[in-house]
Amino acid sequence: PFQTDHQAAHKADPGRTGWTANASHAA
């Protein structure tokens, strides 16, 4: 319920977008 669509779609992407989505999801 707390994971955004953006985080789910991009948390494994390369580069800054992926790392930002991943870090915010882990937080």
PDB file of all heavy atoms in Angstrom:
ATOM      1  N   PRO A   1       0.785  -1.244   0.000  1.00  0.00           N
ATOM      2  CA  PRO A   1       0.000   0.000   0.000  1.00  0.00           C
ATOM      3  C   PRO A   1       0.812   1.288   0.000  1.00  0.00           C
ATOM      4  O   PRO A   1       0.341   2.306  -0.496  1.00  0.00           O
ATOM      5  CB  PRO A   1      -0.869  -0.109   1.259  1.00  0.00           C
ATOM      6  CG  PRO A   1      -0.270  -1.153   2.092  1.00  0.00           C
ATOM      7  CD  PRO A   1       0.515  -2.056   1.187  1.00  0.00           C
ATOM      8  N   PHE A   2       2.049   1.251   0.527  1.00  0.00           N
ATOM      9  CA  PHE A   2       2.835   2.486   0.591  1.00  0.00           C
ATOM     10  C   PHE A   2       3.848   2.636  -0.534  1.00  0.00           C
ATOM     11  O   PHE A   2       4.573   3.623  -0.584  1.00  0.00           O
ATOM     12  CB  PHE A   2       3.552   2.609   1.938  1.00  0.00           C
ATOM     13  CG  PHE A   2       2.634   2.750   3.125  1.00  0.00           C
ATOM     14  CD1 PHE A   2       3.034   2.298   4.366  1.00  0.00           C
ATOM     15  CD2 PHE A   2       1.375   3.317   3.006  1.00  0.00           C
ATOM     16  CE1 PHE A   2       2.204   2.421   5.475  1.00  0.00           C
ATOM     17  CE2 PHE A   2       0.534   3.441   4.106  1.00  0.00           C
ATOM     18  CZ  PHE A   2       0.959   2.989   5.342  1.00  0.00           C
ATOM     19  N   GLN A   3       3.940   1.673  -1.434  1.00  0.00           N
ATOM     20  CA  GLN A   3       4.873   1.783  -2.552  1.00  0.00           C
ATOM     21  C   GLN A   3       4.174   2.495  -3.711  1.00  0.00           C
ATOM     22  O   GLN A   3       3.106   2.070  -4.144  1.00  0.00           O
ATOM     23  CB  GLN A   3       5.364   0.405  -3.021  1.00  0.00           C
ATOM     24  CG  GLN A   3       6.345   0.482  -4.157  1.00  0.00           C
ATOM     25  CD  GLN A   3       6.978  -0.863  -4.494  1.00  0.00           C
ATOM     26  OE1 GLN A   3       8.057  -0.878  -5.035  1.00  0.00           O
ATOM     27  NE2 GLN A   3       6.344  -1.974  -4.180  1.00  0.00           N
ATOM     28  N   THR A   4       4.783   3.547  -4.195  1.00  0.00           N
ATOM     29  CA  THR A   4       4.183   4.288  -5.312  1.00  0.00           C
ATOM     30  C   THR A   4       4.391   3.541  -6.622  1.00  0.00           C
ATOM     31  O   THR A   4       5.292   2.702  -6.744  1.00  0.00           O
ATOM     32  CB  THR A   4       4.791   5.695  -5.436  1.00  0.00           C
ATOM     33  OG1 THR A   4       6.157   5.567  -5.857  1.00  0.00           O
ATOM     34  CG2 THR A   4       4.704   6.481  -4.128  1.00  0.00           C
ATOM     35  N   ASP A   5       3.573   3.869  -7.608  1.00  0.00           N
ATOM     36  CA  ASP A   5       3.757   3.285  -8.939  1.00  0.00           C
ATOM     37  C   ASP A   5       5.135   3.631  -9.493  1.00  0.00           C
ATOM     38  O   ASP A   5       5.778   2.808 -10.135  1.00  0.00           O
ATOM     39  CB  ASP A   5       2.677   3.789  -9.907  1.00  0.00           C
ATOM     40  CG  ASP A   5       1.308   3.190  -9.631  1.00  0.00           C
ATOM     41  OD1 ASP A   5       1.226   2.177  -8.906  1.00  0.00           O
ATOM     42  OD2 ASP A   5       0.311   3.734 -10.151  1.00  0.00           O
ATOM     43  N   HIS A   6       5.591   4.862  -9.230  1.00  0.00           N
ATOM     44  CA  HIS A   6       6.907   5.281  -9.712  1.00  0.00           C
ATOM     45  C   HIS A   6       8.009   4.421  -9.094  1.00  0.00           C
ATOM     46  O   HIS A   6       8.921   3.970  -9.799  1.00  0.00           O
ATOM     47  CB  HIS A   6       7.143   6.760  -9.404  1.00  0.00           C
ATOM     48  CG  HIS A   6       8.491   7.240  -9.832  1.00  0.00           C
ATOM     49  ND1 HIS A   6       8.802   7.540 -11.140  1.00  0.00           N
ATOM     50  CD2 HIS A   6       9.631   7.440  -9.124  1.00  0.00           C
ATOM     51  CE1 HIS A   6      10.065   7.904 -11.217  1.00  0.00           C
ATOM     52  NE2 HIS A   6      10.592   7.858 -10.007  1.00  0.00           N
ATOM     53  N   GLN A   7       7.943   4.202  -7.786  1.00  0.00           N
ATOM     54  CA  GLN A   7       8.947   3.377  -7.122  1.00  0.00           C
ATOM     55  C   GLN A   7       8.941   1.962  -7.696  1.00  0.00           C
ATOM     56  O   GLN A   7       9.994   1.410  -8.014  1.00  0.00           O
ATOM     57  CB  GLN A   7       8.692   3.317  -5.615  1.00  0.00           C
ATOM     58  CG  GLN A   7       8.961   4.613  -4.894  1.00  0.00           C
ATOM     59  CD  GLN A   7       8.429   4.604  -3.472  1.00  0.00           C
ATOM     60  OE1 GLN A   7       7.530   3.839  -3.127  1.00  0.00           O
ATOM     61  NE2 GLN A   7       8.984   5.483  -2.648  1.00  0.00           N
ATOM     62  N   ALA A   8       7.769   1.387  -7.842  1.00  0.00           N
ATOM     63  CA  ALA A   8       7.657   0.015  -8.346  1.00  0.00           C
ATOM     64  C   ALA A   8       8.210  -0.107  -9.759  1.00  0.00           C
ATOM     65  O   ALA A   8       8.885  -1.087 -10.085  1.00  0.00           O
ATOM     66  CB  ALA A   8       6.201  -0.443  -8.302  1.00  0.00           C
ATOM     67  N   ALA A   9       7.937   0.875 -10.584  1.00  0.00           N
ATOM     68  CA  ALA A   9       8.346   0.810 -11.983  1.00  0.00           C
ATOM     69  C   ALA A   9       9.821   1.120 -12.194  1.00  0.00           C
ATOM     70  O   ALA A   9      10.412   0.661 -13.173  1.00  0.00           O
ATOM     71  CB  ALA A   9       7.505   1.773 -12.816  1.00  0.00           C
ATOM     72  N   HIS A  10      10.426   1.903 -11.294  1.00  0.00           N
ATOM     73  CA  HIS A  10      11.775   2.406 -11.569  1.00  0.00           C
ATOM     74  C   HIS A  10      12.853   2.016 -10.563  1.00  0.00           C
ATOM     75  O   HIS A  10      14.023   2.341 -10.783  1.00  0.00           O
ATOM     76  CB  HIS A  10      11.730   3.933 -11.699  1.00  0.00           C
ATOM     77  CG  HIS A  10      10.854   4.388 -12.813  1.00  0.00           C
ATOM     78  ND1 HIS A  10      11.201   4.251 -14.134  1.00  0.00           N
ATOM     79  CD2 HIS A  10       9.613   4.950 -12.794  1.00  0.00           C
ATOM     80  CE1 HIS A  10      10.222   4.713 -14.897  1.00  0.00           C
ATOM     81  NE2 HIS A  10       9.253   5.141 -14.107  1.00  0.00           N
ATOM     82  N   LYS A  11      12.528   1.302  -9.484  1.00  0.00           N
ATOM     83  CA  LYS A  11      13.513   1.021  -8.432  1.00  0.00           C
ATOM     84  C   LYS A  11      14.689   0.165  -8.894  1.00  0.00           C
ATOM     85  O   LYS A  11      15.725   0.151  -8.250  1.00  0.00           O
ATOM     86  CB  LYS A  11      12.831   0.390  -7.215  1.00  0.00           C
ATOM     87  CG  LYS A  11      12.183  -0.942  -7.480  1.00  0.00           C
ATOM     88  CD  LYS A  11      11.361  -1.385  -6.292  1.00  0.00           C
ATOM     89  CE  LYS A  11      10.615  -2.673  -6.617  1.00  0.00           C
ATOM     90  NZ  LYS A  11       9.714  -3.021  -5.540  1.00  0.00           N
ATOM     91  N   ALA A  12      14.546  -0.531 -10.004  1.00  0.00           N
ATOM     92  CA  ALA A  12      15.653  -1.336 -10.530  1.00  0.00           C
ATOM     93  C   ALA A  12      16.309  -0.696 -11.752  1.00  0.00           C
ATOM     94  O   ALA A  12      17.237  -1.264 -12.330  1.00  0.00           O
ATOM     95  CB  ALA A  12      15.161  -2.735 -10.883  1.00  0.00           C
ATOM     96  N   ASP A  13      15.842   0.486 -12.146  1.00  0.00           N
ATOM     97  CA  ASP A  13      16.397   1.167 -13.318  1.00  0.00           C
ATOM     98  C   ASP A  13      17.825   1.642 -13.053  1.00  0.00           C
ATOM     99  O   ASP A  13      18.192   1.937 -11.911  1.00  0.00           O
ATOM    100  CB  ASP A  13      15.544   2.387 -13.700  1.00  0.00           C
ATOM    101  CG  ASP A  13      14.212   2.023 -14.299  1.00  0.00           C
ATOM    102  OD1 ASP A  13      13.959   0.825 -14.536  1.00  0.00           O
ATOM    103  OD2 ASP A  13      13.404   2.946 -14.517  1.00  0.00           O
ATOM    104  N   PRO A  14      18.622   1.753 -14.104  1.00  0.00           N
ATOM    105  CA  PRO A  14      19.970   2.303 -13.930  1.00  0.00           C
ATOM    106  C   PRO A  14      19.905   3.817 -13.705  1.00  0.00           C
ATOM    107  O   PRO A  14      18.897   4.460 -13.978  1.00  0.00           O
ATOM    108  CB  PRO A  14      20.649   1.979 -15.261  1.00  0.00           C
ATOM    109  CG  PRO A  14      19.537   1.874 -16.247  1.00  0.00           C
ATOM    110  CD  PRO A  14      18.335   1.353 -15.479  1.00  0.00           C
ATOM    111  N   GLY A  15      20.982   4.335 -13.194  1.00  0.00           N
ATOM    112  CA  GLY A  15      21.109   5.786 -13.055  1.00  0.00           C
ATOM    113  C   GLY A  15      20.368   6.375 -11.876  1.00  0.00           C
ATOM    114  O   GLY A  15      19.845   5.673 -11.015  1.00  0.00           O
ATOM    115  N   ARG A  16      20.355   7.699 -11.892  1.00  0.00           N
ATOM    116  CA  ARG A  16      19.794   8.450 -10.769  1.00  0.00           C
ATOM    117  C   ARG A  16      18.318   8.156 -10.516  1.00  0.00           C
ATOM    118  O   ARG A  16      17.882   8.023  -9.375  1.00  0.00           O
ATOM    119  CB  ARG A  16      19.997   9.940 -11.020  1.00  0.00           C
ATOM    120  CG  ARG A  16      19.534  10.799  -9.880  1.00  0.00           C
ATOM    121  CD  ARG A  16      19.756  12.264 -10.167  1.00  0.00           C
ATOM    122  NE  ARG A  16      19.231  13.043  -9.077  1.00  0.00           N
ATOM    123  CZ  ARG A  16      19.848  14.067  -8.524  1.00  0.00           C
ATOM    124  NH1 ARG A  16      21.013  14.439  -8.986  1.00  0.00           N
ATOM    125  NH2 ARG A  16      19.306  14.719  -7.534  1.00  0.00           N
ATOM    126  N   THR A  17      17.527   8.040 -11.570  1.00  0.00           N
ATOM    127  CA  THR A  17      16.091   7.760 -11.407  1.00  0.00           C
ATOM    128  C   THR A  17      15.881   6.452 -10.659  1.00  0.00           C
ATOM    129  O   THR A  17      15.077   6.377  -9.731  1.00  0.00           O
ATOM    130  CB  THR A  17      15.391   7.719 -12.777  1.00  0.00           C
ATOM    131  OG1 THR A  17      15.557   8.980 -13.413  1.00  0.00           O
ATOM    132  CG2 THR A  17      13.914   7.416 -12.636  1.00  0.00           C
ATOM    133  N   GLY A  18      16.610   5.429 -11.068  1.00  0.00           N
ATOM    134  CA  GLY A  18      16.475   4.130 -10.416  1.00  0.00           C
ATOM    135  C   GLY A  18      16.925   4.148  -8.972  1.00  0.00           C
ATOM    136  O   GLY A  18      16.245   3.632  -8.090  1.00  0.00           O
ATOM    137  N   TRP A  19      18.083   4.750  -8.735  1.00  0.00           N
ATOM    138  CA  TRP A  19      18.595   4.790  -7.369  1.00  0.00           C
ATOM    139  C   TRP A  19      17.709   5.638  -6.454  1.00  0.00           C
ATOM    140  O   TRP A  19      17.520   5.310  -5.280  1.00  0.00           O
ATOM    141  CB  TRP A  19      20.029   5.300  -7.354  1.00  0.00           C
ATOM    142  CG  TRP A  19      20.986   4.227  -7.767  1.00  0.00           C
ATOM    143  CD1 TRP A  19      21.682   4.160  -8.945  1.00  0.00           C
ATOM    144  CD2 TRP A  19      21.334   3.060  -7.042  1.00  0.00           C
ATOM    145  NE1 TRP A  19      22.440   3.017  -8.988  1.00  0.00           N
ATOM    146  CE2 TRP A  19      22.254   2.313  -7.822  1.00  0.00           C
ATOM    147  CE3 TRP A  19      20.964   2.550  -5.796  1.00  0.00           C
ATOM    148  CZ2 TRP A  19      22.799   1.098  -7.407  1.00  0.00           C
ATOM    149  CZ3 TRP A  19      21.511   1.332  -5.383  1.00  0.00           C
ATOM    150  CH2 TRP A  19      22.415   0.633  -6.183  1.00  0.00           C
ATOM    151  N   THR A  20      17.152   6.718  -6.987  1.00  0.00           N
ATOM    152  CA  THR A  20      16.264   7.565  -6.178  1.00  0.00           C
ATOM    153  C   THR A  20      14.976   6.818  -5.827  1.00  0.00           C
ATOM    154  O   THR A  20      14.528   6.852  -4.677  1.00  0.00           O
ATOM    155  CB  THR A  20      15.946   8.879  -6.920  1.00  0.00           C
ATOM    156  OG1 THR A  20      17.174   9.558  -7.186  1.00  0.00           O
ATOM    157  CG2 THR A  20      15.042   9.772  -6.104  1.00  0.00           C
ATOM    158  N   ALA A  21      14.383   6.152  -6.816  1.00  0.00           N
ATOM    159  CA  ALA A  21      13.164   5.372  -6.558  1.00  0.00           C
ATOM    160  C   ALA A  21      13.458   4.255  -5.567  1.00  0.00           C
ATOM    161  O   ALA A  21      12.673   3.997  -4.645  1.00  0.00           O
ATOM    162  CB  ALA A  21      12.616   4.807  -7.866  1.00  0.00           C
ATOM    163  N   ASN A  22      14.595   3.603  -5.727  1.00  0.00           N
ATOM    164  CA  ASN A  22      14.977   2.510  -4.847  1.00  0.00           C
ATOM    165  C   ASN A  22      15.207   3.001  -3.422  1.00  0.00           C
ATOM    166  O   ASN A  22      14.719   2.411  -2.459  1.00  0.00           O
ATOM    167  CB  ASN A  22      16.232   1.826  -5.404  1.00  0.00           C
ATOM    168  CG  ASN A  22      16.642   0.628  -4.599  1.00  0.00           C
ATOM    169  OD1 ASN A  22      17.237   0.774  -3.533  1.00  0.00           O
ATOM    170  ND2 ASN A  22      16.354  -0.549  -5.111  1.00  0.00           N
ATOM    171  N   ALA A  23      15.946   4.092  -3.284  1.00  0.00           N
ATOM    172  CA  ALA A  23      16.259   4.628  -1.952  1.00  0.00           C
ATOM    173  C   ALA A  23      15.007   5.120  -1.238  1.00  0.00           C
ATOM    174  O   ALA A  23      14.848   4.903  -0.034  1.00  0.00           O
ATOM    175  CB  ALA A  23      17.284   5.753  -2.062  1.00  0.00           C
ATOM    176  N   SER A  24      14.102   5.765  -1.961  1.00  0.00           N
ATOM    177  CA  SER A  24      12.876   6.251  -1.311  1.00  0.00           C
ATOM    178  C   SER A  24      11.994   5.070  -0.884  1.00  0.00           C
ATOM    179  O   SER A  24      11.377   5.107   0.179  1.00  0.00           O
ATOM    180  CB  SER A  24      12.119   7.222  -2.215  1.00  0.00           C
ATOM    181  OG  SER A  24      11.659   6.588  -3.385  1.00  0.00           O
ATOM    182  N   HIS A  25      11.966   4.024  -1.699  1.00  0.00           N
ATOM    183  CA  HIS A  25      11.195   2.829  -1.330  1.00  0.00           C
ATOM    184  C   HIS A  25      11.810   2.153  -0.103  1.00  0.00           C
ATOM    185  O   HIS A  25      11.095   1.777   0.829  1.00  0.00           O
ATOM    186  CB  HIS A  25      11.132   1.870  -2.524  1.00  0.00           C
ATOM    187  CG  HIS A  25      10.461   0.582  -2.229  1.00  0.00           C
ATOM    188  ND1 HIS A  25       9.163   0.506  -1.764  1.00  0.00           N
ATOM    189  CD2 HIS A  25      10.900  -0.700  -2.326  1.00  0.00           C
ATOM    190  CE1 HIS A  25       8.826  -0.760  -1.598  1.00  0.00           C
ATOM    191  NE2 HIS A  25       9.869  -1.508  -1.932  1.00  0.00           N
ATOM    192  N   ALA A  26      13.128   2.016  -0.066  1.00  0.00           N
ATOM    193  CA  ALA A  26      13.796   1.418   1.090  1.00  0.00           C
ATOM    194  C   ALA A  26      13.576   2.264   2.348  1.00  0.00           C
ATOM    195  O   ALA A  26      13.395   1.725   3.446  1.00  0.00           O
ATOM    196  CB  ALA A  26      15.288   1.247   0.810  1.00  0.00           C
ATOM    197  N   ALA A  27      13.558   3.587   2.191  1.00  0.00           N
ATOM    198  CA  ALA A  27      13.313   4.470   3.336  1.00  0.00           C
ATOM    199  C   ALA A  27      11.917   4.259   3.910  1.00  0.00           C
ATOM    200  O   ALA A  27      11.729   4.307   5.135  1.00  0.00           O
ATOM    201  CB  ALA A  27      13.502   5.927   2.922  1.00  0.00           C
TER     202      ALA A  27
END
